[in-house]
Protein backbone atom coordinates (compact mmCIF):
# COMPACT_ATOMS: atom_id res chain seq x y z
CA MET A 1 67.94 96.80 97.59
CA ASP A 2 67.89 96.81 101.38
CA ILE A 3 70.97 95.86 103.35
CA PRO A 4 70.04 92.84 105.53
CA GLY A 5 69.83 93.53 109.21
CA THR A 6 69.32 97.30 109.02
CA SER A 7 66.34 97.02 111.34
CA THR A 8 68.37 95.26 114.04
CA PRO A 9 68.45 97.54 117.10
CA SER A 10 72.00 96.69 118.16
CA ILE A 11 75.18 96.60 116.13
CA SER A 12 77.73 93.83 116.54
CA HIS A 13 81.28 94.89 117.33
CA TYR A 14 83.66 92.35 115.88
CA ALA A 15 87.41 92.33 115.56
CA LEU A 16 86.98 90.67 112.17
CA PHE A 17 83.45 89.80 111.05
CA GLY A 18 82.28 87.20 113.60
CA GLU A 19 85.68 86.08 114.81
CA GLN A 20 86.38 87.06 118.40
CA ILE A 21 90.09 87.82 118.06
CA THR A 22 91.83 90.42 120.16
CA ASP A 23 91.82 94.00 118.93
CA ASP A 24 94.90 94.79 121.02
CA ASP A 25 97.38 93.03 118.73
CA PRO A 26 99.56 95.85 117.36
CA GLU A 27 100.71 93.74 114.41
CA PHE A 28 97.33 92.36 113.34
CA VAL A 29 96.85 92.15 109.56
CA HIS A 30 94.33 90.00 107.73
CA ILE A 31 93.59 89.78 104.01
CA GLU A 32 91.21 87.60 102.04
CA GLU A 33 89.37 87.63 98.73
CA ILE A 34 85.87 89.09 98.86
CA ARG A 35 84.28 85.81 97.82
CA THR A 36 85.94 83.86 100.65
CA ARG A 37 83.47 85.11 103.23
CA SER A 38 80.71 86.83 101.25
CA SER A 39 79.83 83.67 99.34
CA LEU A 40 79.14 81.91 102.67
CA TYR A 41 76.47 84.49 103.53
CA ASP A 42 74.74 84.80 100.15
CA TRP A 43 76.96 87.82 99.37
CA GLN A 44 75.41 89.83 102.21
CA ILE A 45 77.34 91.01 105.27
CA THR A 46 75.03 92.44 107.94
CA PRO A 47 75.77 95.67 109.87
CA HIS A 48 78.74 95.44 112.20
CA ALA A 49 81.77 97.45 113.31
CA HIS A 50 85.42 96.72 114.07
CA ARG A 51 86.75 98.53 117.09
CA ARG A 52 90.31 99.74 116.64
CA MET A 53 90.54 98.11 113.21
CA PHE A 54 90.85 99.83 109.82
CA GLN A 55 89.28 97.96 106.92
CA PHE A 56 89.95 98.41 103.21
CA MET A 57 87.92 96.75 100.46
CA TYR A 58 88.91 96.87 96.81
CA MET A 59 86.65 95.58 94.01
CA VAL A 60 88.01 94.81 90.54
CA SER A 61 84.73 93.43 89.18
CA GLY A 62 81.12 93.41 90.29
CA THR A 63 78.66 95.86 91.82
CA GLY A 64 76.79 96.22 95.07
CA GLU A 65 75.70 98.44 97.92
CA VAL A 66 77.57 99.49 101.04
CA ARG A 67 76.13 100.97 104.20
CA LEU A 68 78.39 103.32 106.15
CA ASP A 69 76.79 104.35 109.44
CA HIS A 70 73.37 105.66 108.39
CA ALA A 71 73.97 106.15 104.66
CA THR A 72 73.74 103.52 101.90
CA HIS A 73 75.66 103.87 98.61
CA VAL A 74 75.75 102.02 95.30
CA ILE A 75 79.27 100.90 94.37
CA SER A 76 80.69 99.54 91.12
CA SER A 77 84.14 98.31 90.23
CA PRO A 78 86.89 99.26 90.16
CA CYS A 79 86.49 101.00 93.50
CA ALA A 80 87.99 101.33 96.97
CA VAL A 81 86.14 101.53 100.29
CA CYS A 82 88.03 102.79 103.35
CA ILE A 83 86.37 102.10 106.72
CA PRO A 84 87.93 103.54 109.90
CA GLY A 85 87.52 101.70 113.20
CA GLY A 86 84.13 102.04 114.87
CA VAL A 87 82.21 102.84 111.67
CA VAL A 88 79.13 100.64 111.25
CA HIS A 89 79.14 99.06 107.82
CA ALA A 90 77.35 96.39 105.78
CA PHE A 91 77.57 95.03 102.24
CA THR A 92 75.23 93.52 99.66
CA LEU A 93 77.33 92.44 96.69
CA GLU A 94 76.65 90.99 93.28
CA PRO A 95 77.43 87.25 93.30
CA GLU A 96 80.98 86.44 92.15
CA THR A 97 82.24 89.94 92.89
CA VAL A 98 86.03 89.90 92.68
CA GLY A 99 88.36 91.81 95.00
CA TRP A 100 90.01 91.80 98.40
CA VAL A 101 89.28 92.85 101.98
CA VAL A 102 92.17 93.94 104.22
CA THR A 103 91.77 94.47 107.97
CA VAL A 104 94.59 96.14 109.89
CA SER A 105 95.09 97.12 113.52
CA GLU A 106 94.87 100.90 113.91
CA LEU A 107 97.86 100.60 116.26
CA LEU A 108 99.98 99.45 113.34
CA LEU A 109 98.86 102.33 111.15
CA ILE A 110 99.56 105.06 113.71
CA ASP A 111 102.80 103.54 115.01
CA ALA A 112 105.40 106.15 115.92
CA ARG A 113 107.80 104.58 113.42
CA PHE A 114 105.65 106.06 110.67
CA ARG A 115 105.06 109.50 112.21
CA ARG A 116 106.27 111.31 109.06
CA SER A 117 103.74 109.60 106.78
CA ARG A 118 100.86 109.50 109.25
CA ARG A 119 99.46 112.92 108.33
CA LEU A 120 99.23 111.88 104.70
CA PHE A 121 96.83 109.09 105.63
CA GLU A 122 94.68 111.01 108.14
CA PRO A 123 91.86 111.64 105.59
CA LEU A 124 91.54 107.86 105.15
CA PHE A 125 91.46 107.16 108.90
CA ARG A 126 89.23 110.09 109.85
CA GLU A 127 86.10 109.23 107.86
CA PRO A 128 84.82 106.61 105.38
CA GLN A 129 85.91 107.02 101.78
CA LEU A 130 84.27 105.63 98.64
CA LEU A 131 86.50 106.08 95.60
CA SER A 132 85.91 104.96 92.04
CA PHE A 133 89.08 104.07 90.15
CA ALA A 134 87.36 103.89 86.75
CA ASP A 135 89.36 106.89 85.55
CA ASN A 136 92.66 105.78 87.11
CA PRO A 137 93.75 102.49 85.49
CA ASP A 138 97.37 102.86 86.62
CA GLY A 139 96.38 103.35 90.24
CA SER A 140 93.88 100.52 90.05
CA ALA A 141 96.47 98.16 88.59
CA LEU A 142 99.01 99.07 91.31
CA ILE A 143 96.50 98.44 94.11
CA ALA A 144 95.30 95.15 92.60
CA THR A 145 98.85 93.90 92.05
CA THR A 146 99.91 94.85 95.58
CA LEU A 147 96.84 93.21 97.13
CA ASP A 148 97.40 90.04 95.12
CA GLN A 149 101.00 89.87 96.35
CA MET A 150 99.88 90.64 99.89
CA LEU A 151 97.45 87.73 99.80
CA LYS A 152 100.26 85.42 98.65
CA GLU A 153 102.41 86.63 101.56
CA PHE A 154 99.53 85.94 103.94
CA GLN A 155 98.92 82.43 102.61
CA TRP A 156 102.60 81.46 102.44
CA PRO A 157 104.55 83.03 105.32
CA GLN A 158 108.17 83.82 104.57
CA THR A 159 111.00 85.64 106.31
CA GLY A 160 110.10 89.26 107.06
CA ARG A 161 106.39 88.89 106.31
CA SER A 162 105.35 91.55 108.84
CA PHE A 163 107.73 94.08 107.25
CA MET A 164 106.36 93.27 103.81
CA PHE A 165 102.87 93.92 105.14
CA ASP A 166 104.02 97.27 106.55
CA TRP A 167 105.37 98.35 103.19
CA MET A 168 102.57 97.01 101.00
CA ILE A 169 99.83 98.49 103.16
CA ARG A 170 101.44 101.90 102.85
CA VAL A 171 101.85 101.54 99.08
CA ILE A 172 98.10 100.92 98.89
CA LEU A 173 97.21 103.78 101.23
CA MET A 174 99.49 106.23 99.42
CA THR A 175 97.96 105.29 96.08
CA VAL A 176 94.47 105.81 97.50
CA ARG A 177 95.47 109.14 99.09
CA ARG A 178 96.88 110.45 95.80
CA HIS A 179 93.70 109.40 94.03
CA LEU A 180 91.60 111.11 96.71
CA ASP A 181 93.46 114.38 96.12
CA ASN A 182 92.40 114.26 92.47
CA GLN A 183 88.72 113.73 93.21
CA THR A 184 85.98 116.23 93.92
CA PRO A 185 85.58 116.41 97.70
CA GLN A 186 82.57 114.46 98.90
CA PRO A 187 80.24 115.84 101.60
CA GLU A 188 79.97 112.55 103.47
CA THR A 189 81.48 112.65 106.96
CA ILE A 190 80.99 110.83 110.24
CA GLY A 191 81.61 114.07 112.05
CA GLN A 192 83.97 115.72 114.43
CA ARG A 193 83.83 112.86 116.94
CA GLN A 194 85.78 110.50 114.67
CA SER A 195 88.34 113.22 114.00
CA LEU A 196 88.77 113.91 117.71
CA TYR A 197 89.18 110.22 118.51
CA THR A 198 91.78 109.84 115.75
CA HIS A 199 93.63 112.86 117.12
CA PHE A 200 93.55 111.36 120.63
CA ARG A 201 95.02 108.05 119.42
CA GLN A 202 97.82 109.92 117.66
CA LEU A 203 98.54 111.97 120.79
CA VAL A 204 98.76 108.73 122.78
CA GLU A 205 101.20 107.33 120.23
CA ASP A 206 103.38 110.42 120.58
CA HIS A 207 103.23 110.84 124.37
CA TYR A 208 102.55 107.52 126.11
CA ARG A 209 106.19 107.38 127.22
CA ASP A 210 105.73 110.79 128.85
CA HIS A 211 103.01 109.39 131.13
CA TRP A 212 100.61 112.23 130.45
CA PRO A 213 97.52 112.10 132.67
CA VAL A 214 94.13 111.95 130.98
CA THR A 215 93.61 115.62 131.81
CA ALA A 216 96.63 116.56 129.68
CA TYR A 217 95.16 114.79 126.65
CA ALA A 218 91.77 116.38 127.30
CA ASP A 219 93.37 119.84 127.53
CA LYS A 220 95.26 119.26 124.29
CA LEU A 221 91.97 118.34 122.59
CA ALA A 222 90.13 121.27 124.23
CA MET A 223 87.56 119.04 125.90
CA SER A 224 86.69 117.88 129.40
CA GLN A 225 88.04 114.61 130.80
CA ALA A 226 84.50 113.24 131.05
CA ARG A 227 83.80 114.00 127.40
CA LEU A 228 87.07 112.39 126.33
CA ASN A 229 86.19 109.24 128.27
CA ARG A 230 82.75 109.10 126.63
CA LEU A 231 84.37 109.54 123.22
CA CYS A 232 86.83 106.70 123.82
CA LYS A 233 84.17 104.36 125.17
CA SER A 234 81.97 104.95 122.11
CA PHE A 235 84.78 103.97 119.71
CA ALA A 236 86.90 101.51 121.70
CA GLY A 237 84.70 100.34 124.57
CA LYS A 238 87.28 101.63 127.07
CA GLY A 239 88.01 104.88 128.84
CA ALA A 240 90.93 107.12 127.87
CA GLY A 241 93.05 106.00 130.83
CA ASP A 242 92.73 102.33 129.90
CA LEU A 243 93.71 103.04 126.29
CA ILE A 244 96.79 104.96 127.41
CA GLN A 245 97.86 102.17 129.76
CA ASP A 246 97.11 99.53 127.12
CA ARG A 247 99.49 101.29 124.73
CA LEU A 248 102.22 101.44 127.38
CA ALA A 249 101.75 97.76 128.20
CA LEU A 250 101.90 96.83 124.51
CA GLU A 251 105.22 98.61 124.11
CA ALA A 252 106.55 96.85 127.20
CA GLN A 253 105.51 93.51 125.70
CA ARG A 254 107.32 94.34 122.47
CA HIS A 255 110.53 95.10 124.38
CA LEU A 256 110.28 91.90 126.41
CA ILE A 257 109.69 89.76 123.33
CA TYR A 258 112.04 91.36 120.82
CA THR A 259 114.93 92.68 122.95
CA SER A 260 117.17 91.24 125.63
CA ALA A 261 116.91 94.35 127.83
CA SER A 262 116.23 93.75 131.50
CA ALA A 263 112.90 94.68 133.05
CA SER A 264 114.59 97.60 134.82
CA MET A 265 116.05 98.93 131.56
CA ILE A 266 112.66 98.63 129.87
CA ALA A 267 111.04 100.44 132.79
CA TYR A 268 113.35 103.43 132.41
CA GLU A 269 113.04 103.35 128.62
CA LEU A 270 109.26 103.66 128.96
CA GLY A 271 109.42 106.53 131.40
CA PHE A 272 108.92 104.69 134.69
CA GLN A 273 110.93 106.09 137.60
CA ASP A 274 110.63 102.93 139.69
CA PRO A 275 111.23 99.47 138.14
CA ALA A 276 109.22 97.85 140.95
CA TYR A 277 106.22 100.01 140.07
CA PHE A 278 106.70 99.05 136.40
CA SER A 279 106.57 95.37 137.35
CA ARG A 280 103.36 95.88 139.31
CA PHE A 281 101.87 97.88 136.43
CA PHE A 282 102.80 95.20 133.90
CA LYS A 283 101.40 92.35 135.97
CA ARG A 284 98.17 94.27 136.54
CA ARG A 285 97.73 94.80 132.77
CA THR A 286 98.83 91.36 131.52
CA GLY A 287 98.45 88.99 134.46
CA LEU A 288 102.15 88.09 134.48
CA ALA A 289 105.28 89.69 135.92
CA PRO A 290 107.72 90.88 133.19
CA GLY A 291 110.12 87.97 133.72
CA ARG A 292 107.37 85.35 133.62
CA PHE A 293 105.89 86.97 130.52
CA ARG A 294 109.24 86.80 128.70
CA GLU A 295 109.74 83.16 129.75
CA ALA A 296 106.29 82.23 128.47
CA LYS A 297 106.92 83.91 125.12
CA MET A 298 110.33 82.31 124.74
CA ALA A 299 108.73 78.90 125.28
CA GLU A 300 106.26 79.42 122.42
CA PRO A 301 107.05 77.99 118.94
CA PHE A 302 108.90 80.42 116.69
CA PRO A 303 106.25 82.38 114.71
CA HIS A 304 106.20 82.39 110.93
């Protein structure tokens, strides 16, 4: 069975299917049942990619085919499909296939708060993974139960929902990682480029407060600055310098929204030597001065 759209010369880059949401939201999490969207498109999702988004699909019943970059695979339930950001993928599923699709910002998954666990999940973020859970009923039941609860949290927001998402996502990933360790290694890989990009994003997470220049990241990765920029543009549509500054601006936004610290205190916390330069930097990246940004956020309705 051919995946629809495989002859299309260009690949769509969507934040989430066809919805043009921002891929810079560090807390972005979305979950839905497979049938919610697939049934609208005759159970066929044409080739597309999510920049800076990690996607996880879990099937508890049904069969189908999945395309990952240039390879097409037959899948049958129960199974997990892990799709790192930038990987072109498409699905043709049996009607009434049952399962869930979770889409998560890569920024959330590589957040410095979870530095200790990050290495455990690198195999899932580095390259696509197709894993049958037919021989692991306990693991399958844990993933299905967690996803079902996660969907309920998504549909009915309660206090601390974002923290619940943090924990449940990592329960799922840890279960998948343990299962991966018990499987025969598969030869499929999307190559060294994905691994290098993942390594770069982790270096940014560890050193953005140090204000490393792009050359420092390139040296750490043993590549030229030009090659690093090409690598970043191929996966994120932006150069390395923009991604570094985006991460710094995101952290500044978090401080302005969730703390009462002054703009000067935030500037020093984020490694700026001159608060005035920080204000100019922030306005250039967001369009608003730090004080105006905080005022605008305070005026918004309290989020669920």
